Amino acid sequence: TRLVAVATQKFISEIASDAL
């Protein structure tokens, strides 16, 4: 579903920000 995709993308974005 799109909700899962959006939630996953947001989660990845947060992880990427922490990685940086």
PDB file of N, CA and C in Angstrom:
ATOM      1  N   THR A   1       0.845  -1.212   0.000  1.00  0.00           N
ATOM      2  CA  THR A   1       0.000   0.000   0.000  1.00  0.00           C
ATOM      3  C   THR A   1       0.874   1.253   0.000  1.00  0.00           C
ATOM      4  N   ARG A   2       0.308   2.355  -0.375  1.00  0.00           N
ATOM      5  CA  ARG A   2       1.100   3.596  -0.415  1.00  0.00           C
ATOM      6  C   ARG A   2       1.497   4.043   0.984  1.00  0.00           C
ATOM      7  N   LEU A   3       0.596   3.812   1.954  1.00  0.00           N
ATOM      8  CA  LEU A   3       0.919   4.227   3.333  1.00  0.00           C
ATOM      9  C   LEU A   3       2.212   3.565   3.790  1.00  0.00           C
ATOM     10  N   VAL A   4       2.337   2.284   3.517  1.00  0.00           N
ATOM     11  CA  VAL A   4       3.551   1.565   3.924  1.00  0.00           C
ATOM     12  C   VAL A   4       4.762   2.141   3.204  1.00  0.00           C
ATOM     13  N   ALA A   5       4.610   2.426   1.919  1.00  0.00           N
ATOM     14  CA  ALA A   5       5.725   2.972   1.135  1.00  0.00           C
ATOM     15  C   ALA A   5       6.154   4.317   1.702  1.00  0.00           C
ATOM     16  N   VAL A   6       5.176   5.164   2.017  1.00  0.00           N
ATOM     17  CA  VAL A   6       5.498   6.495   2.568  1.00  0.00           C
ATOM     18  C   VAL A   6       6.168   6.356   3.927  1.00  0.00           C
ATOM     19  N   ALA A   7       5.622   5.493   4.772  1.00  0.00           N
ATOM     20  CA  ALA A   7       6.197   5.295   6.103  1.00  0.00           C
ATOM     21  C   ALA A   7       7.622   4.762   5.987  1.00  0.00           C
ATOM     22  N   THR A   8       7.828   3.811   5.076  1.00  0.00           N
ATOM     23  CA  THR A   8       9.166   3.246   4.888  1.00  0.00           C
ATOM     24  C   THR A   8      10.129   4.306   4.390  1.00  0.00           C
ATOM     25  N   GLN A   9       9.687   5.092   3.417  1.00  0.00           N
ATOM     26  CA  GLN A   9      10.556   6.135   2.868  1.00  0.00           C
ATOM     27  C   GLN A   9      10.926   7.146   3.954  1.00  0.00           C
ATOM     28  N   LYS A  10       9.954   7.532   4.760  1.00  0.00           N
ATOM     29  CA  LYS A  10      10.226   8.486   5.852  1.00  0.00           C
ATOM     30  C   LYS A  10      11.206   7.872   6.842  1.00  0.00           C
ATOM     31  N   PHE A  11      10.999   6.597   7.160  1.00  0.00           N
ATOM     32  CA  PHE A  11      11.892   5.915   8.096  1.00  0.00           C
ATOM     33  C   PHE A  11      13.315   5.901   7.551  1.00  0.00           C
ATOM     34  N   ILE A  12      13.457   5.573   6.259  1.00  0.00           N
ATOM     35  CA  ILE A  12      14.777   5.539   5.624  1.00  0.00           C
ATOM     36  C   ILE A  12      15.394   6.928   5.635  1.00  0.00           C
ATOM     37  N   SER A  13      14.579   7.942   5.363  1.00  0.00           N
ATOM     38  CA  SER A  13      15.089   9.323   5.347  1.00  0.00           C
ATOM     39  C   SER A  13      15.651   9.681   6.719  1.00  0.00           C
ATOM     40  N   GLU A  14      14.955   9.305   7.779  1.00  0.00           N
ATOM     41  CA  GLU A  14      15.434   9.616   9.131  1.00  0.00           C
ATOM     42  C   GLU A  14      16.744   8.885   9.403  1.00  0.00           C
ATOM     43  N   ILE A  15      16.823   7.629   8.985  1.00  0.00           N
ATOM     44  CA  ILE A  15      18.049   6.854   9.199  1.00  0.00           C
ATOM     45  C   ILE A  15      19.201   7.484   8.421  1.00  0.00           C
ATOM     46  N   ALA A  16      18.931   7.900   7.185  1.00  0.00           N
ATOM     47  CA  ALA A  16      19.972   8.515   6.356  1.00  0.00           C
ATOM     48  C   ALA A  16      20.463   9.797   7.017  1.00  0.00           C
ATOM     49  N   SER A  17      19.533  10.583   7.560  1.00  0.00           N
ATOM     50  CA  SER A  17      19.928  11.839   8.219  1.00  0.00           C
ATOM     51  C   SER A  17      20.821  11.529   9.421  1.00  0.00           C
ATOM     52  N   ASP A  18      20.467  10.509  10.188  1.00  0.00           N
ATOM     53  CA  ASP A  18      21.288  10.150  11.344  1.00  0.00           C
ATOM     54  C   ASP A  18      22.663   9.672  10.877  1.00  0.00           C
ATOM     55  N   ALA A  19      22.692   8.945   9.776  1.00  0.00           N
ATOM     56  CA  ALA A  19      23.960   8.428   9.261  1.00  0.00           C
ATOM     57  C   ALA A  19      24.876   9.585   8.874  1.00  0.00           C
ATOM     58  N   LEU A  20      24.269  10.629   8.289  1.00  0.00           N
ATOM     59  CA  LEU A  20      25.078  11.772   7.866  1.00  0.00           C
ATOM     60  C   LEU A  20      25.587  12.519   9.096  1.00  0.00           C
TER      61      LEU A  20
END
